[in-house]
Amino acid sequence: MLRMRDVLRYALPRRSGILTLPTMIALSQFRAFSRHASIRIFLAIAIVLAVPACASLQSVSAVLLDRISFTAPQLQSFLDRHYPREYDQLGGLITLSVMNPRISIPAQSGRLHLDFDVGIDGLGLRSDRTTGHFAVTSGLRYDPATRGLYLDAPVLESAELPLLGGRINASGRDLINGWLRDYAKAEPVYRFDSTEIDKLGKRRVTATSIEDGRVIVRLED
């Protein structure tokens, strides 16, 4: 390693006012050494400062986190664990079996899309066979008591029951709409897990919307 005394020794001119070749080489090496040393010192300082800076950045991110978002696959995974389901309708005269939920959130839509297969037990039909299917669109609402997302103002978009002759009639539509109203009141399409509850903290949910193919839950202190 080049030392200061070596530089000073070489820097003394052999003839007054003239830098010799060894002196020029020594000075060049010393400048390079100084430059590299400065870089190493700068990096060391930067690393020391980075630790509290990262902690501060995480704190700022936590403060600025004013929303939690969910994707269709997250909701689908939740629904897959809770179906098929059976529901008594018309005072127990028939049992409606709802199965195979399929959820999607179109990118340009502000509503959730849900498709179900349905079976009917009664009226000469068996619930273990798929009688038809129906499609629903809906907004979402958050319930703080259960920490779940529920259908909000759902609309039955279409329903087909091929075993009953094709498209559903008025009675069949009323049957499914009755189930849909009860479902929207009592059963979530998603429930917050422990990680999401931790993110929620003491903040409250102010709004729930569907934007750009995601469910957005907005938070406020």
Protein backbone atom coordinates (compact mmCIF):
# COMPACT_ATOMS: atom_id res chain seq x y z
CA MET A 1 0.00 0.00 0.00
CA LEU A 2 1.28 3.46 -0.85
CA ARG A 3 2.12 5.48 2.26
CA MET A 4 2.14 9.24 2.77
CA ARG A 5 5.86 9.36 3.53
CA ASP A 6 6.61 7.59 0.25
CA VAL A 7 4.61 10.21 -1.61
CA LEU A 8 6.37 13.03 0.18
CA ARG A 9 9.76 11.45 -0.47
CA TYR A 10 9.07 11.13 -4.18
CA ALA A 11 7.35 14.49 -4.34
CA LEU A 12 10.57 16.33 -3.39
CA PRO A 13 11.98 17.53 -6.67
CA ARG A 14 15.41 16.34 -7.65
CA ARG A 15 15.91 19.68 -9.32
CA SER A 16 14.22 22.84 -8.14
CA GLY A 17 10.88 23.51 -9.88
CA ILE A 18 10.89 20.21 -11.80
CA LEU A 19 8.76 17.12 -11.04
CA THR A 20 10.63 14.01 -11.93
CA LEU A 21 8.96 10.97 -13.51
CA PRO A 22 8.94 8.99 -10.24
CA THR A 23 7.31 11.98 -8.54
CA MET A 24 4.58 12.18 -11.19
CA ILE A 25 3.88 8.43 -10.92
CA ALA A 26 3.74 8.60 -7.14
CA LEU A 27 1.31 11.52 -7.19
CA SER A 28 -0.91 9.74 -9.71
CA GLN A 29 -1.05 6.62 -7.54
CA PHE A 30 -1.83 8.66 -4.46
CA ARG A 31 -4.70 10.46 -6.19
CA ALA A 32 -6.15 7.09 -7.30
CA PHE A 33 -5.79 5.72 -3.77
CA SER A 34 -7.49 8.80 -2.30
CA ARG A 35 -10.34 8.54 -4.80
CA HIS A 36 -11.00 4.87 -3.96
CA ALA A 37 -10.74 5.57 -0.25
CA SER A 38 -13.31 8.36 -0.57
CA ILE A 39 -15.70 6.03 -2.38
CA ARG A 40 -15.32 3.40 0.34
CA ILE A 41 -15.97 5.98 3.05
CA PHE A 42 -19.05 7.26 1.20
CA LEU A 43 -20.43 3.73 0.86
CA ALA A 44 -19.82 3.01 4.53
CA ILE A 45 -21.70 6.17 5.53
CA ALA A 46 -24.53 5.32 3.15
CA ILE A 47 -24.89 1.83 4.67
CA VAL A 48 -24.98 3.25 8.19
CA LEU A 49 -27.65 5.76 7.24
CA ALA A 50 -29.67 3.20 5.26
CA VAL A 51 -30.72 1.22 8.33
CA PRO A 52 -32.76 3.98 10.01
CA ALA A 53 -33.89 5.20 6.59
CA CYS A 54 -35.42 1.79 5.78
CA ALA A 55 -37.19 1.73 9.12
CA SER A 56 -38.56 5.23 8.46
CA LEU A 57 -39.70 4.20 4.98
CA GLN A 58 -41.59 1.23 6.39
CA SER A 59 -43.27 3.49 8.91
CA VAL A 60 -44.29 5.93 6.19
CA SER A 61 -45.66 3.06 4.07
CA ALA A 62 -47.74 1.88 7.00
CA VAL A 63 -49.15 5.35 7.52
CA LEU A 64 -49.91 5.82 3.83
CA LEU A 65 -51.56 2.41 3.47
CA ASP A 66 -55.18 3.54 3.11
CA ARG A 67 -56.54 0.48 1.37
CA ILE A 68 -56.50 -3.30 1.15
CA SER A 69 -57.09 -4.97 -2.20
CA PHE A 70 -58.26 -8.46 -3.14
CA THR A 71 -58.10 -10.40 -6.39
CA ALA A 72 -60.65 -12.75 -7.91
CA PRO A 73 -58.47 -15.83 -7.13
CA GLN A 74 -58.48 -14.87 -3.43
CA LEU A 75 -62.28 -14.74 -3.39
CA GLN A 76 -62.48 -17.92 -5.47
CA SER A 77 -60.30 -19.80 -3.00
CA PHE A 78 -62.62 -18.76 -0.16
CA LEU A 79 -65.77 -19.84 -2.03
CA ASP A 80 -64.26 -23.18 -3.05
CA ARG A 81 -63.92 -24.09 0.62
CA HIS A 82 -67.61 -23.40 1.35
CA TYR A 83 -69.45 -25.13 -1.49
CA PRO A 84 -71.58 -27.02 -2.37
CA ARG A 85 -74.34 -25.77 -0.07
CA GLU A 86 -78.00 -26.73 0.37
CA TYR A 87 -80.85 -24.35 1.16
CA ASP A 88 -84.47 -25.17 1.97
CA GLN A 89 -86.90 -23.13 -0.08
CA LEU A 90 -90.68 -22.75 -0.28
CA GLY A 91 -91.09 -23.76 3.34
CA GLY A 92 -89.00 -26.90 2.90
CA LEU A 93 -90.98 -28.10 -0.10
CA ILE A 94 -87.78 -28.18 -2.16
CA THR A 95 -84.07 -28.00 -1.45
CA LEU A 96 -81.88 -25.81 -3.60
CA SER A 97 -78.33 -27.10 -4.01
CA VAL A 98 -75.84 -24.43 -5.06
CA MET A 99 -72.44 -25.64 -6.25
CA ASN A 100 -69.35 -24.86 -8.32
CA PRO A 101 -69.15 -21.10 -7.78
CA ARG A 102 -67.09 -19.30 -10.42
CA ILE A 103 -66.07 -15.75 -9.67
CA SER A 104 -64.62 -13.12 -11.99
CA ILE A 105 -63.95 -9.38 -11.92
CA PRO A 106 -63.89 -7.97 -15.46
CA ALA A 107 -61.32 -5.21 -15.82
CA GLN A 108 -63.78 -2.61 -17.06
CA SER A 109 -66.61 -3.52 -14.70
CA GLY A 110 -67.48 -2.10 -11.32
CA ARG A 111 -69.35 -5.24 -10.28
CA LEU A 112 -68.48 -8.76 -9.26
CA HIS A 113 -69.57 -11.60 -11.56
CA LEU A 114 -70.65 -14.92 -10.08
CA ASP A 115 -71.78 -18.09 -11.83
CA PHE A 116 -73.29 -21.06 -10.00
CA ASP A 117 -74.48 -24.49 -10.91
CA VAL A 118 -77.75 -25.43 -9.24
CA GLY A 119 -79.58 -28.63 -8.35
CA ILE A 120 -83.13 -29.03 -7.04
CA ASP A 121 -84.30 -31.75 -4.69
CA GLY A 122 -88.04 -32.10 -4.89
CA LEU A 123 -90.72 -31.84 -7.55
CA GLY A 124 -89.43 -35.14 -8.91
CA LEU A 125 -85.84 -33.89 -9.17
CA ARG A 126 -82.69 -34.91 -7.34
CA SER A 127 -80.28 -32.35 -5.88
CA ASP A 128 -77.20 -34.45 -6.65
CA ARG A 129 -77.73 -33.76 -10.35
CA THR A 130 -77.03 -30.37 -11.89
CA THR A 131 -80.36 -28.96 -12.97
CA GLY A 132 -78.95 -25.79 -14.51
CA HIS A 133 -76.95 -22.71 -13.75
CA PHE A 134 -77.40 -19.01 -13.08
CA ALA A 135 -75.29 -15.86 -13.24
CA VAL A 136 -75.24 -12.95 -10.82
CA THR A 137 -73.61 -9.51 -10.79
CA SER A 138 -73.21 -7.55 -7.61
CA GLY A 139 -71.43 -4.84 -5.70
CA LEU A 140 -69.77 -5.62 -2.37
CA ARG A 141 -70.15 -4.32 1.16
CA TYR A 142 -67.99 -4.82 4.24
CA ASP A 143 -69.49 -5.96 7.53
CA PRO A 144 -67.31 -4.94 10.52
CA ALA A 145 -69.00 -7.41 12.87
CA THR A 146 -67.97 -10.46 10.85
CA ARG A 147 -65.08 -8.82 8.94
CA GLY A 148 -66.51 -10.23 5.77
CA LEU A 149 -67.36 -9.03 2.26
CA TYR A 150 -70.97 -9.58 1.22
CA LEU A 151 -72.92 -9.14 -1.98
CA ASP A 152 -74.51 -5.69 -2.23
CA ALA A 153 -77.55 -5.14 -4.47
CA PRO A 154 -77.08 -8.41 -6.40
CA VAL A 155 -78.88 -8.86 -9.71
CA LEU A 156 -79.82 -12.18 -11.30
CA GLU A 157 -78.52 -11.71 -14.83
CA SER A 158 -79.48 -15.07 -16.32
CA ALA A 159 -80.74 -18.50 -15.30
CA GLU A 160 -81.16 -21.66 -17.31
CA LEU A 161 -82.63 -24.98 -16.19
CA PRO A 162 -82.36 -27.39 -19.14
CA LEU A 163 -83.99 -30.22 -17.19
CA LEU A 164 -87.04 -28.04 -16.72
CA GLY A 165 -87.31 -27.13 -20.36
CA GLY A 166 -84.74 -24.39 -20.81
CA ARG A 167 -84.91 -20.84 -19.55
CA ILE A 168 -86.27 -20.34 -16.08
CA ASN A 169 -89.86 -19.15 -15.66
CA ALA A 170 -91.14 -16.49 -13.28
CA SER A 171 -91.58 -18.96 -10.40
CA GLY A 172 -88.07 -20.29 -10.82
CA ARG A 173 -86.66 -16.76 -11.00
CA ASP A 174 -88.48 -15.83 -7.78
CA LEU A 175 -87.03 -18.93 -6.15
CA ILE A 176 -83.46 -17.99 -7.01
CA ASN A 177 -84.00 -14.32 -6.20
CA GLY A 178 -85.28 -15.32 -2.77
CA TRP A 179 -82.16 -17.39 -2.18
CA LEU A 180 -80.00 -14.54 -3.48
CA ARG A 181 -81.47 -12.02 -1.03
CA ASP A 182 -80.87 -14.37 1.90
CA TYR A 183 -77.39 -15.17 0.68
CA ALA A 184 -76.43 -11.50 0.35
CA LYS A 185 -77.55 -10.82 3.92
CA ALA A 186 -76.01 -13.79 5.68
CA GLU A 187 -73.10 -15.30 3.78
CA PRO A 188 -69.81 -13.62 2.85
CA VAL A 189 -68.01 -14.15 -0.41
CA TYR A 190 -64.81 -13.46 1.50
CA ARG A 191 -63.74 -13.15 5.13
CA PHE A 192 -60.60 -11.31 6.25
CA ASP A 193 -57.79 -13.59 7.45
CA SER A 194 -55.49 -12.80 10.38
CA THR A 195 -52.92 -11.02 8.18
CA GLU A 196 -55.54 -8.71 6.70
CA ILE A 197 -57.03 -8.04 10.13
CA ASP A 198 -53.54 -6.97 11.28
CA LYS A 199 -53.33 -4.57 8.31
CA LEU A 200 -56.71 -3.19 9.26
CA GLY A 201 -55.52 -2.44 12.80
CA LYS A 202 -57.64 0.23 14.49
CA ARG A 203 -58.67 1.82 11.23
CA ARG A 204 -62.21 1.56 9.95
CA VAL A 205 -63.48 0.68 6.50
CA THR A 206 -65.04 3.67 4.78
CA ALA A 207 -65.91 2.18 1.38
CA THR A 208 -65.70 -0.95 -0.74
CA SER A 209 -65.43 -0.74 -4.50
CA ILE A 210 -64.45 -2.83 -7.51
CA GLU A 211 -61.82 -1.21 -9.73
CA ASP A 212 -59.47 -2.47 -12.44
CA GLY A 213 -60.23 -6.11 -11.77
CA ARG A 214 -59.70 -5.88 -8.01
CA VAL A 215 -61.78 -5.41 -4.89
CA ILE A 216 -60.65 -2.27 -3.05
CA VAL A 217 -61.40 -1.80 0.65
CA ARG A 218 -60.63 1.79 1.70
CA LEU A 219 -59.46 2.53 5.23
CA GLU A 220 -59.50 5.58 7.48
CA ASP A 221 -58.11 6.28 10.94
